[in-house]
């Protein structure tokens, strides 16, 4: 017989023998080579190997099938291998490959989330976080810690808005106020409070003038006033909805959000859509307004403040009492360059929290202080 055929027969026999051994198992192989295992040698791995994972020197090891179990008589059936390097049998490997293929095929046939649906999901999540955690949660996730995230605000329809759009402007103000009112760390002045303040604050001229904004802030006890406005359509340009954010400490504009009315034009639906779409941006704009509060009244040596837990205050917090700096005007252009530094008047310490919106403080230095004095973070 030719040598080539002898080699082929030998190789074929070797593969058949290997297949037989694989099916028969390790005990058969051991018996054939003359090793008779004890009757209790069914478990050929150490008792601790019954655990699925162990950690040694910070590395995780997993219980793995021994790839040499069927070829070497003295090898245990199970060993520990470093996680990620464990032995994967043919069946498991095939199953993994099929799973990957099916996943790819599923990706081809399934469509992604529609853009409109995705936008709704994002907005719902934003609303949830603002409602349950407040805008301070967004800042904290970005790595920026805000000691006093709470803000007290008033939303007022600007009376200088075009008369033909008074109804839409009032609806815009109501929608913005409602959206901010649902946020955890926002206190929004009510309509009755605003009407009373507009009648008693002694306002003169446009509502957006600095003295008017400061007076409104003192009467309402708010840190910011939001004025809503409607810009009517002109030629081929559709109309715009506007919200201007003013701080009441200096009475200056802090931000403005302008949004086109959209394809449906200046309709009631545009007002509620504006408030929904810009909820986070409005909250962020208010957070950029300097945090401050006011001494509401003084009684028996105690200073009663118009802010409390809603502003993030805690018992033991120290606050500085300040007077706003003066506005610096360029004598040639008459443009405002900003404000000089606050004038310090003393320091106080929070001794008691009355509620979400009130606190009691004691004087540490300076004074005597009176109703209307401004306090800021130390």
Protein backbone atom coordinates (compact mmCIF):
# COMPACT_ATOMS: atom_id res chain seq x y z
CA UNK A 1 0.00 0.00 0.00
CA UNK A 2 1.42 3.40 -0.88
CA UNK A 3 2.76 5.48 1.97
CA UNK A 4 0.32 8.33 1.15
CA UNK A 5 -2.71 6.13 1.78
CA UNK A 6 -1.20 4.88 5.05
CA UNK A 7 -0.84 8.49 6.25
CA UNK A 8 -4.41 9.32 5.22
CA UNK A 9 -5.81 6.30 7.06
CA UNK A 10 -3.79 7.16 10.17
CA UNK A 11 -4.96 10.77 10.19
CA UNK A 12 -8.58 9.73 9.63
CA UNK A 13 -8.36 7.21 12.44
CA UNK A 14 -6.91 9.86 14.74
CA UNK A 15 -9.82 12.20 14.10
CA UNK A 16 -12.38 9.41 14.64
CA UNK A 17 -10.64 8.48 17.89
CA UNK A 18 -10.64 12.09 19.02
CA UNK A 19 -14.35 12.40 18.26
CA UNK A 20 -15.04 9.22 20.24
CA UNK A 21 -13.08 10.53 23.22
CA UNK A 22 -14.88 13.83 23.09
CA UNK A 23 -18.25 12.09 23.24
CA UNK A 24 -17.16 9.58 25.84
CA UNK A 25 -15.80 12.13 28.26
CA UNK A 26 -12.69 12.37 30.41
CA UNK A 27 -13.37 9.32 32.57
CA UNK A 28 -13.25 7.05 29.51
CA UNK A 29 -9.91 8.53 28.44
CA UNK A 30 -8.45 8.05 31.90
CA UNK A 31 -9.57 4.42 32.05
CA UNK A 32 -8.04 3.69 28.63
CA UNK A 33 -4.67 5.05 29.68
CA UNK A 34 -4.69 2.94 32.83
CA UNK A 35 -5.76 5.47 35.41
CA UNK A 36 -8.65 4.36 37.59
CA UNK A 37 -10.15 7.38 39.34
CA UNK A 38 -11.71 6.99 42.79
CA UNK A 39 -15.47 6.66 42.99
CA UNK A 40 -15.82 10.15 44.46
CA UNK A 41 -13.80 11.87 41.70
CA UNK A 42 -16.84 13.22 39.89
CA UNK A 43 -15.96 16.75 41.07
CA UNK A 44 -12.49 17.35 39.69
CA UNK A 45 -12.25 21.04 40.64
CA UNK A 46 -11.61 22.55 44.08
CA UNK A 47 -14.66 23.27 46.27
CA UNK A 48 -14.12 27.03 46.09
CA UNK A 49 -14.50 26.79 42.30
CA UNK A 50 -18.25 26.43 42.86
CA UNK A 51 -18.21 30.21 43.10
CA UNK A 52 -18.83 31.90 39.78
CA UNK A 53 -16.31 34.70 40.40
CA UNK A 54 -13.46 35.45 42.78
CA UNK A 55 -11.27 38.55 43.16
CA UNK A 56 -7.53 38.17 43.68
CA UNK A 57 -5.20 41.20 43.90
CA UNK A 58 -7.87 43.42 42.43
CA UNK A 59 -8.45 41.18 39.38
CA UNK A 60 -11.69 39.31 38.77
CA UNK A 61 -11.47 35.62 37.86
CA UNK A 62 -14.41 33.59 36.60
CA UNK A 63 -15.12 29.87 36.74
CA UNK A 64 -14.23 28.51 33.30
CA UNK A 65 -14.20 25.20 31.51
CA UNK A 66 -10.66 23.78 31.27
CA UNK A 67 -9.76 23.45 27.56
CA UNK A 68 -7.23 20.68 28.39
CA UNK A 69 -9.66 18.59 30.41
CA UNK A 70 -10.33 16.07 27.58
CA UNK A 71 -6.73 15.76 26.43
CA UNK A 72 -4.68 15.53 29.63
CA UNK A 73 -5.68 12.87 32.22
CA UNK A 74 -4.75 14.82 35.36
CA UNK A 75 -6.36 18.11 34.36
CA UNK A 76 -9.44 19.31 36.35
CA UNK A 77 -12.69 19.92 34.50
CA UNK A 78 -12.99 23.52 35.74
CA UNK A 79 -10.43 26.20 36.45
CA UNK A 80 -10.43 29.93 37.14
CA UNK A 81 -9.49 32.27 34.30
CA UNK A 82 -9.14 36.04 34.26
CA UNK A 83 -12.41 37.66 33.25
CA UNK A 84 -12.49 38.21 29.51
CA UNK A 85 -9.99 35.41 28.86
CA UNK A 86 -12.16 32.45 29.89
CA UNK A 87 -12.53 29.48 27.57
CA UNK A 88 -15.54 29.61 25.24
CA UNK A 89 -16.68 26.33 23.78
CA UNK A 90 -17.75 25.79 20.21
CA UNK A 91 -21.46 25.84 21.03
CA UNK A 92 -21.25 29.05 23.05
CA UNK A 93 -19.09 30.67 20.41
CA UNK A 94 -21.57 29.75 17.69
CA UNK A 95 -24.50 31.06 19.73
CA UNK A 96 -22.65 34.35 20.29
CA UNK A 97 -21.98 34.71 16.56
CA UNK A 98 -25.62 34.04 15.68
CA UNK A 99 -26.75 36.58 18.28
CA UNK A 100 -24.52 39.25 16.75
CA UNK A 101 -25.85 38.51 13.29
CA UNK A 102 -29.47 38.68 14.44
CA UNK A 103 -28.78 41.99 16.19
CA UNK A 104 -27.35 43.46 12.97
CA UNK A 105 -30.32 42.24 10.96
CA UNK A 106 -32.69 43.72 13.52
CA UNK A 107 -30.94 47.09 13.24
CA UNK A 108 -31.44 47.00 9.47
CA UNK A 109 -35.18 46.35 9.72
CA UNK A 110 -36.04 48.53 12.69
CA UNK A 111 -36.32 52.28 12.30
CA UNK A 112 -34.87 54.71 14.84
CA UNK A 113 -36.92 57.02 17.07
CA UNK A 114 -38.57 59.75 14.95
CA UNK A 115 -37.05 63.22 15.57
CA UNK A 116 -40.35 64.66 16.84
CA UNK A 117 -40.77 61.78 19.28
CA UNK A 118 -37.18 62.13 20.46
CA UNK A 119 -37.69 65.85 21.04
CA UNK A 120 -40.79 65.11 23.13
CA UNK A 121 -38.89 62.54 25.19
CA UNK A 122 -36.06 64.98 25.86
CA UNK A 123 -38.48 67.73 26.86
CA UNK A 124 -40.34 65.37 29.20
CA UNK A 125 -37.08 64.43 30.90
CA UNK A 126 -36.08 68.09 31.24
CA UNK A 127 -39.48 68.91 32.76
CA UNK A 128 -39.14 66.02 35.19
CA UNK A 129 -35.71 67.10 36.42
CA UNK A 130 -36.77 70.74 36.78
CA UNK A 131 -39.89 69.68 38.67
CA UNK A 132 -38.24 67.15 40.98
CA UNK A 133 -34.69 68.48 41.37
CA UNK A 134 -34.64 72.05 40.07
CA UNK A 135 -32.27 73.85 37.75
CA UNK A 136 -29.46 73.45 40.31
CA UNK A 137 -29.40 69.74 39.40
CA UNK A 138 -28.42 70.56 35.81
CA UNK A 139 -25.60 72.79 37.00
CA UNK A 140 -24.35 70.15 39.45
CA UNK A 141 -24.24 67.54 36.67
CA UNK A 142 -22.14 69.92 34.63
CA UNK A 143 -19.63 70.19 37.49
CA UNK A 144 -20.72 73.64 38.68
CA UNK A 145 -22.02 73.90 42.22
CA UNK A 146 -24.64 76.58 42.86
CA UNK A 147 -24.90 77.40 46.60
CA UNK A 148 -28.28 79.17 46.33
CA UNK A 149 -30.16 77.99 43.22
CA UNK A 150 -33.59 79.25 44.30
CA UNK A 151 -35.05 82.34 42.61
CA UNK A 152 -38.15 84.46 43.25
CA UNK A 153 -39.55 85.98 40.05
CA UNK A 154 -42.50 87.85 38.60
CA UNK A 155 -43.75 87.45 35.03
CA UNK A 156 -45.53 90.53 33.65
CA UNK A 157 -46.91 91.22 30.17
CA UNK A 158 -45.18 94.38 28.98
CA UNK A 159 -47.86 97.11 28.65
CA UNK A 160 -45.82 98.66 25.83
CA UNK A 161 -46.52 95.61 23.64
CA UNK A 162 -48.69 96.31 20.51
CA UNK A 163 -52.31 96.73 21.64
CA UNK A 164 -53.71 94.36 19.04
CA UNK A 165 -51.81 91.49 20.72
CA UNK A 166 -52.70 92.13 24.38
CA UNK A 167 -54.54 88.81 24.67
CA UNK A 168 -51.68 86.78 23.23
CA UNK A 169 -49.16 88.67 25.37
CA UNK A 170 -51.13 87.92 28.56
CA UNK A 171 -51.33 84.28 27.54
CA UNK A 172 -47.56 84.22 26.95
CA UNK A 173 -46.97 85.65 30.44
CA UNK A 174 -49.35 83.10 32.00
CA UNK A 175 -47.69 80.19 30.16
CA UNK A 176 -44.19 81.27 31.22
CA UNK A 177 -45.31 81.80 34.83
CA UNK A 178 -46.98 78.38 34.93
CA UNK A 179 -43.89 76.67 33.49
CA UNK A 180 -41.56 78.33 36.00
CA UNK A 181 -43.99 77.65 38.84
CA UNK A 182 -43.69 73.90 38.25
CA UNK A 183 -39.95 74.01 38.86
CA UNK A 184 -38.73 73.00 42.29
CA UNK A 185 -36.55 76.03 43.08
CA UNK A 186 -38.67 78.81 41.51
CA UNK A 187 -41.12 81.00 43.43
CA UNK A 188 -43.43 82.89 41.06
CA UNK A 189 -45.44 85.91 42.20
CA UNK A 190 -49.20 85.59 41.76
CA UNK A 191 -51.35 87.82 39.56
CA UNK A 192 -52.99 89.53 42.55
CA UNK A 193 -49.57 90.37 44.03
CA UNK A 194 -48.43 91.84 40.72
CA UNK A 195 -51.59 93.97 40.32
CA UNK A 196 -51.18 95.33 43.86
CA UNK A 197 -47.50 96.13 43.29
CA UNK A 198 -48.18 97.89 39.99
CA UNK A 199 -50.68 100.12 41.80
CA UNK A 200 -48.55 100.90 44.89
CA UNK A 201 -44.98 101.05 43.58
CA UNK A 202 -45.34 104.57 42.17
CA UNK A 203 -44.08 103.70 38.69
CA UNK A 204 -43.41 106.36 36.07
CA UNK A 205 -42.79 105.87 32.37
CA UNK A 206 -41.98 102.55 30.76
CA UNK A 207 -42.06 99.48 32.95
CA UNK A 208 -38.56 98.51 31.78
CA UNK A 209 -36.93 101.61 33.31
CA UNK A 210 -34.41 100.86 36.05
CA UNK A 211 -36.20 102.64 38.97
CA UNK A 212 -39.47 100.91 38.08
CA UNK A 213 -37.89 97.46 38.04
CA UNK A 214 -36.15 98.06 41.37
CA UNK A 215 -39.36 99.34 42.93
CA UNK A 216 -41.32 96.34 41.65
CA UNK A 217 -38.64 94.02 43.01
CA UNK A 218 -38.90 95.58 46.47
CA UNK A 219 -42.71 95.47 46.54
CA UNK A 220 -42.89 91.89 45.25
CA UNK A 221 -39.77 90.57 47.01
CA UNK A 222 -38.45 89.07 43.78
CA UNK A 223 -34.96 88.84 42.33
CA UNK A 224 -36.01 89.08 38.69
CA UNK A 225 -38.85 90.44 36.57
CA UNK A 226 -39.66 88.81 33.24
CA UNK A 227 -41.38 91.08 30.73
CA UNK A 228 -43.19 89.33 27.87
CA UNK A 229 -43.72 90.97 24.50
CA UNK A 230 -45.14 90.22 21.05
CA UNK A 231 -43.52 91.49 17.86
CA UNK A 232 -46.15 91.55 15.07
CA UNK A 233 -45.42 90.14 11.60
CA UNK A 234 -43.90 92.46 9.03
CA UNK A 235 -43.83 91.85 5.27
CA UNK A 236 -42.58 88.27 4.78
CA UNK A 237 -41.35 87.89 8.36
CA UNK A 238 -43.76 86.04 10.61
CA UNK A 239 -43.97 87.45 14.22
CA UNK A 240 -41.90 86.88 17.30
CA UNK A 241 -42.49 86.10 20.95
CA UNK A 242 -40.09 87.75 23.37
CA UNK A 243 -39.25 87.32 27.07
CA UNK A 244 -36.80 89.80 28.62
CA UNK A 245 -35.18 88.93 31.95
CA UNK A 246 -34.33 91.86 34.28
CA UNK A 247 -32.57 91.64 37.63
CA UNK A 248 -34.18 93.82 40.29
CA UNK A 249 -30.96 94.39 42.25
CA UNK A 250 -29.61 96.87 39.69
CA UNK A 251 -32.69 97.02 37.46
CA UNK A 252 -30.70 95.94 34.39
CA UNK A 253 -31.44 93.47 31.61
CA UNK A 254 -29.80 90.08 32.17
CA UNK A 255 -31.03 88.16 29.12
CA UNK A 256 -33.61 88.06 26.36
CA UNK A 257 -35.16 85.07 24.59
CA UNK A 258 -36.64 85.70 21.14
CA UNK A 259 -38.45 82.98 19.23
CA UNK A 260 -40.30 83.05 15.89
CA UNK A 261 -43.99 82.24 16.13
CA UNK A 262 -43.61 79.42 13.62
CA UNK A 263 -45.62 78.35 10.63
CA UNK A 264 -48.94 78.70 12.47
CA UNK A 265 -48.31 82.38 13.22
CA UNK A 266 -49.17 84.37 16.33
CA UNK A 267 -51.85 82.13 17.81
CA UNK A 268 -52.58 81.05 21.41
CA UNK A 269 -50.84 77.72 20.81
CA UNK A 270 -47.59 79.60 20.09
CA UNK A 271 -47.51 80.98 23.65
CA UNK A 272 -47.71 77.59 25.37
CA UNK A 273 -45.22 76.11 22.88
CA UNK A 274 -42.75 78.90 23.64
CA UNK A 275 -42.95 78.19 27.37
CA UNK A 276 -42.50 74.43 26.86
CA UNK A 277 -39.60 74.72 24.44
CA UNK A 278 -37.67 77.32 26.47
CA UNK A 279 -38.26 76.05 30.03
CA UNK A 280 -34.62 75.12 30.63
CA UNK A 281 -33.23 78.23 28.97
CA UNK A 282 -35.51 80.47 31.05
CA UNK A 283 -34.38 78.72 34.22
CA UNK A 284 -30.74 79.08 33.19
CA UNK A 285 -31.20 82.79 32.46
CA UNK A 286 -32.69 83.28 35.92
CA UNK A 287 -29.85 81.36 37.51
CA UNK A 288 -27.44 83.86 35.93
CA UNK A 289 -29.20 86.66 37.80
CA UNK A 290 -27.28 87.41 41.01
CA UNK A 291 -28.86 85.71 44.00
CA UNK A 292 -29.97 88.09 46.74
CA UNK A 293 -32.74 88.59 49.23
CA UNK A 294 -34.25 91.32 51.36
CA UNK A 295 -34.83 92.10 55.00
CA UNK A 296 -38.62 91.95 55.16
CA UNK A 297 -38.93 93.50 58.62
CA UNK A 298 -37.07 93.80 61.94
CA UNK A 299 -38.61 92.79 65.27
CA UNK A 300 -37.03 92.47 68.73
CA UNK A 301 -33.55 92.37 67.25
CA UNK A 302 -34.40 89.60 64.76
CA UNK A 303 -34.10 90.13 61.02
CA UNK A 304 -36.89 88.44 59.08
CA UNK A 305 -35.83 87.58 55.53
CA UNK A 306 -38.10 87.06 52.52
CA UNK A 307 -36.40 83.82 51.50
CA UNK A 308 -35.92 80.38 52.99
CA UNK A 309 -35.51 76.77 51.95
CA UNK A 310 -36.68 77.54 48.41
CA UNK A 311 -33.55 79.65 47.98
CA UNK A 312 -31.29 76.94 49.41
CA UNK A 313 -30.77 78.64 52.76
CA UNK A 314 -29.66 76.58 55.77
CA UNK A 315 -29.36 77.37 59.45
CA UNK A 316 -25.84 78.69 60.07
CA UNK A 317 -25.44 80.32 56.64
CA UNK A 318 -23.73 83.68 56.77
CA UNK A 319 -24.93 86.47 54.50
CA UNK A 320 -23.60 89.94 53.82
CA UNK A 321 -25.83 93.01 53.88
CA UNK A 322 -25.00 95.27 50.95
CA UNK A 323 -26.07 98.38 49.12
CA UNK A 324 -26.04 98.24 45.30
CA UNK A 325 -23.13 99.99 43.62
CA UNK A 326 -23.63 103.02 41.43
CA UNK A 327 -24.05 102.86 37.67
CA UNK A 328 -21.01 104.10 35.73
CA UNK A 329 -21.92 106.20 32.66
CA UNK A 330 -19.54 107.20 29.87
CA UNK A 331 -19.77 111.04 29.86
CA UNK A 332 -19.17 111.23 26.11
CA UNK A 333 -21.38 108.45 24.74
CA UNK A 334 -23.75 108.30 27.74
CA UNK A 335 -23.53 104.50 27.51
CA UNK A 336 -23.67 102.45 30.68
CA UNK A 337 -20.39 100.71 31.54
CA UNK A 338 -21.89 98.70 34.37
CA UNK A 339 -21.97 99.11 38.13
CA UNK A 340 -19.38 99.72 40.78
CA UNK A 341 -18.86 97.12 43.52
CA UNK A 342 -21.54 96.60 46.16
CA UNK A 343 -21.11 98.67 49.31
CA UNK A 344 -20.84 96.35 52.37
CA UNK A 345 -22.97 97.27 55.38
CA UNK A 346 -22.46 94.27 57.64
CA UNK A 347 -22.95 90.54 58.11
CA UNK A 348 -25.78 88.36 59.44
CA UNK A 349 -26.26 84.68 60.32
CA UNK A 350 -29.35 82.54 59.63
CA UNK A 351 -30.68 81.13 62.92
CA UNK A 352 -34.05 79.68 61.90
CA UNK A 353 -35.96 78.64 58.77
CA UNK A 354 -39.62 79.59 58.97
CA UNK A 355 -40.85 77.92 55.81
CA UNK A 356 -39.99 77.50 52.18
CA UNK A 357 -39.92 81.28 51.75
CA UNK A 358 -38.89 82.77 55.09
CA UNK A 359 -35.99 82.83 57.55
CA UNK A 360 -34.77 84.54 60.72
CA UNK A 361 -31.26 85.98 61.10
CA UNK A 362 -29.14 87.66 63.76
CA UNK A 363 -26.69 90.52 63.25
CA UNK A 364 -23.01 89.57 63.41
CA UNK A 365 -21.53 92.93 62.39
CA UNK A 366 -22.64 96.33 61.14
CA UNK A 367 -26.17 97.62 61.34
CA UNK A 368 -28.64 98.62 62.49
CA UNK A 369 -30.47 97.14 59.51
CA UNK A 370 -33.93 98.04 58.29
CA UNK A 371 -36.69 96.72 56.06
CA UNK A 372 -35.66 96.63 52.39
CA UNK A 373 -31.93 96.12 53.01
CA UNK A 374 -30.39 93.70 50.50
CA UNK A 375 -28.54 90.52 51.50
CA UNK A 376 -26.22 88.41 49.33
CA UNK A 377 -24.20 85.23 49.66
CA UNK A 378 -21.05 85.78 51.72
